[in-house]
Amino acid sequence: MSKRISITDHAIVRYLERVLGMDMEAIRAEICPPSVEVLARAVQSGNLPVPGKRYRLAITNFVVTTILTEGGRPPRARQNRQSIPGRPNRDPRDEED
């Protein structure tokens, strides 16, 4: 059995941008509209709701680090998860503290 190649998130972003022609600046503006950016600068760090959207921005030191949905967890498509060799096919976020 041959080892499966991994694809980084960075490579996926470049594929979306360079091959599919997606406008990354437009996506950034949609994720964090100018009105929200003003609020983000004021809070510097924290979870900031985006008016009219069903998500919040997780911000650390003026950087959006992830998008949080209902329940405060990043979105995921459980049915599309693939097993990674050598790692259990589970999500550690399912484990309660």
C-alpha atoms as a PDB file:
ATOM      1  CA  MET A   1       0.000   0.000   0.000  1.00  0.00           C
ATOM      2  CA  SER A   2       1.463   3.355  -0.981  1.00  0.00           C
ATOM      3  CA  LYS A   3       1.500   6.346   1.324  1.00  0.00           C
ATOM      4  CA  ARG A   4      -1.151   8.945   0.553  1.00  0.00           C
ATOM      5  CA  ILE A   5       0.114  12.467  -0.115  1.00  0.00           C
ATOM      6  CA  SER A   6      -1.039  15.295   2.144  1.00  0.00           C
ATOM      7  CA  ILE A   7      -2.198  18.679   0.892  1.00  0.00           C
ATOM      8  CA  THR A   8      -1.714  21.691   3.145  1.00  0.00           C
ATOM      9  CA  ASP A   9      -4.338  24.360   3.669  1.00  0.00           C
ATOM     10  CA  HIS A  10      -1.872  26.812   2.115  1.00  0.00           C
ATOM     11  CA  ALA A  11      -1.774  24.727  -1.079  1.00  0.00           C
ATOM     12  CA  ILE A  12      -5.583  24.601  -1.142  1.00  0.00           C
ATOM     13  CA  VAL A  13      -5.796  28.386  -0.796  1.00  0.00           C
ATOM     14  CA  ARG A  14      -3.310  28.854  -3.648  1.00  0.00           C
ATOM     15  CA  TYR A  15      -5.313  26.397  -5.789  1.00  0.00           C
ATOM     16  CA  LEU A  16      -8.515  28.334  -5.139  1.00  0.00           C
ATOM     17  CA  GLU A  17      -6.764  31.598  -5.938  1.00  0.00           C
ATOM     18  CA  ARG A  18      -4.534  30.669  -8.874  1.00  0.00           C
ATOM     19  CA  VAL A  19      -6.360  27.799 -10.569  1.00  0.00           C
ATOM     20  CA  LEU A  20     -10.006  28.586  -9.854  1.00  0.00           C
ATOM     21  CA  GLY A  21      -9.434  32.341  -9.973  1.00  0.00           C
ATOM     22  CA  MET A  22     -11.126  33.097  -6.657  1.00  0.00           C
ATOM     23  CA  ASP A  23     -10.586  36.633  -5.379  1.00  0.00           C
ATOM     24  CA  MET A  24      -9.063  36.226  -1.922  1.00  0.00           C
ATOM     25  CA  GLU A  25      -9.437  39.924  -1.090  1.00  0.00           C
ATOM     26  CA  ALA A  26     -13.173  39.723  -1.832  1.00  0.00           C
ATOM     27  CA  ILE A  27     -13.436  36.676   0.431  1.00  0.00           C
ATOM     28  CA  ARG A  28     -11.552  38.501   3.190  1.00  0.00           C
ATOM     29  CA  ALA A  29     -13.942  41.468   2.854  1.00  0.00           C
ATOM     30  CA  GLU A  30     -16.926  39.120   3.043  1.00  0.00           C
ATOM     31  CA  ILE A  31     -15.570  37.341   6.132  1.00  0.00           C
ATOM     32  CA  CYS A  32     -14.766  40.593   7.927  1.00  0.00           C
ATOM     33  CA  PRO A  33     -16.701  43.522   6.439  1.00  0.00           C
ATOM     34  CA  PRO A  34     -15.333  47.039   7.053  1.00  0.00           C
ATOM     35  CA  SER A  35     -17.933  47.732   9.766  1.00  0.00           C
ATOM     36  CA  VAL A  36     -16.810  44.633  11.673  1.00  0.00           C
ATOM     37  CA  GLU A  37     -13.148  45.450  11.132  1.00  0.00           C
ATOM     38  CA  VAL A  38     -13.634  48.681  13.088  1.00  0.00           C
ATOM     39  CA  LEU A  39     -15.052  46.660  16.007  1.00  0.00           C
ATOM     40  CA  ALA A  40     -12.293  44.065  15.685  1.00  0.00           C
ATOM     41  CA  ARG A  41      -9.644  46.746  16.045  1.00  0.00           C
ATOM     42  CA  ALA A  42     -11.355  47.934  19.228  1.00  0.00           C
ATOM     43  CA  VAL A  43     -11.530  44.484  20.872  1.00  0.00           C
ATOM     44  CA  GLN A  44      -8.089  43.281  19.673  1.00  0.00           C
ATOM     45  CA  SER A  45      -8.818  39.707  20.852  1.00  0.00           C
ATOM     46  CA  GLY A  46     -12.017  37.715  21.398  1.00  0.00           C
ATOM     47  CA  ASN A  47     -15.012  36.261  19.580  1.00  0.00           C
ATOM     48  CA  LEU A  48     -16.842  38.884  17.566  1.00  0.00           C
ATOM     49  CA  PRO A  49     -20.263  38.310  15.980  1.00  0.00           C
ATOM     50  CA  VAL A  50     -20.721  39.411  12.384  1.00  0.00           C
ATOM     51  CA  PRO A  51     -24.088  41.218  12.000  1.00  0.00           C
ATOM     52  CA  GLY A  52     -26.436  39.484   9.578  1.00  0.00           C
ATOM     53  CA  LYS A  53     -24.294  36.327   9.492  1.00  0.00           C
ATOM     54  CA  ARG A  54     -24.473  33.076  11.408  1.00  0.00           C
ATOM     55  CA  TYR A  55     -20.858  33.054  12.554  1.00  0.00           C
ATOM     56  CA  ARG A  56     -18.385  34.807  14.800  1.00  0.00           C
ATOM     57  CA  LEU A  57     -14.775  35.738  14.171  1.00  0.00           C
ATOM     58  CA  ALA A  58     -12.203  34.402  16.617  1.00  0.00           C
ATOM     59  CA  ILE A  59      -9.641  37.191  16.843  1.00  0.00           C
ATOM     60  CA  THR A  60      -6.244  37.075  18.522  1.00  0.00           C
ATOM     61  CA  ASN A  61      -3.992  40.145  18.479  1.00  0.00           C
ATOM     62  CA  PHE A  62      -5.852  41.684  15.530  1.00  0.00           C
ATOM     63  CA  VAL A  63      -5.738  38.431  13.496  1.00  0.00           C
ATOM     64  CA  VAL A  64      -8.842  36.410  12.561  1.00  0.00           C
ATOM     65  CA  THR A  65      -7.727  32.903  13.482  1.00  0.00           C
ATOM     66  CA  THR A  66     -10.909  30.959  12.742  1.00  0.00           C
ATOM     67  CA  ILE A  67     -14.626  31.200  12.066  1.00  0.00           C
ATOM     68  CA  LEU A  68     -16.934  29.957  14.814  1.00  0.00           C
ATOM     69  CA  THR A  69     -20.481  28.787  14.230  1.00  0.00           C
ATOM     70  CA  GLU A  70     -23.314  28.011  16.629  1.00  0.00           C
ATOM     71  CA  GLY A  71     -21.910  26.467  19.773  1.00  0.00           C
ATOM     72  CA  GLY A  72     -18.557  28.205  19.315  1.00  0.00           C
ATOM     73  CA  ARG A  73     -16.936  25.395  17.333  1.00  0.00           C
ATOM     74  CA  PRO A  74     -15.410  25.639  13.874  1.00  0.00           C
ATOM     75  CA  PRO A  75     -17.679  24.149  11.203  1.00  0.00           C
ATOM     76  CA  ARG A  76     -16.897  20.680   9.884  1.00  0.00           C
ATOM     77  CA  ALA A  77     -18.355  18.135   7.520  1.00  0.00           C
ATOM     78  CA  ARG A  78     -18.277  14.911   9.499  1.00  0.00           C
ATOM     79  CA  GLN A  79     -19.412  12.725   6.600  1.00  0.00           C
ATOM     80  CA  ASN A  80     -16.521  13.944   4.434  1.00  0.00           C
ATOM     81  CA  ARG A  81     -13.768  13.250   6.962  1.00  0.00           C
ATOM     82  CA  GLN A  82     -11.211  10.780   5.783  1.00  0.00           C
ATOM     83  CA  SER A  83      -9.041   8.635   7.972  1.00  0.00           C
ATOM     84  CA  ILE A  84      -5.426   9.698   8.236  1.00  0.00           C
ATOM     85  CA  PRO A  85      -3.020   6.738   8.433  1.00  0.00           C
ATOM     86  CA  GLY A  86      -1.695   6.326  11.954  1.00  0.00           C
ATOM     87  CA  ARG A  87      -4.351   8.567  13.488  1.00  0.00           C
ATOM     88  CA  PRO A  88      -7.695   7.575  14.972  1.00  0.00           C
ATOM     89  CA  ASN A  89     -10.743   8.540  12.903  1.00  0.00           C
ATOM     90  CA  ARG A  90     -12.209  10.808  15.543  1.00  0.00           C
ATOM     91  CA  ASP A  91     -12.296  14.465  16.285  1.00  0.00           C
ATOM     92  CA  PRO A  92     -10.768  15.509  19.646  1.00  0.00           C
ATOM     93  CA  ARG A  93     -13.375  18.301  19.858  1.00  0.00           C
ATOM     94  CA  ASP A  94     -15.953  15.549  20.507  1.00  0.00           C
ATOM     95  CA  GLU A  95     -14.315  14.825  23.841  1.00  0.00           C
ATOM     96  CA  GLU A  96     -15.725  16.866  26.702  1.00  0.00           C
ATOM     97  CA  ASP A  97     -13.407  18.362  29.327  1.00  0.00           C
END
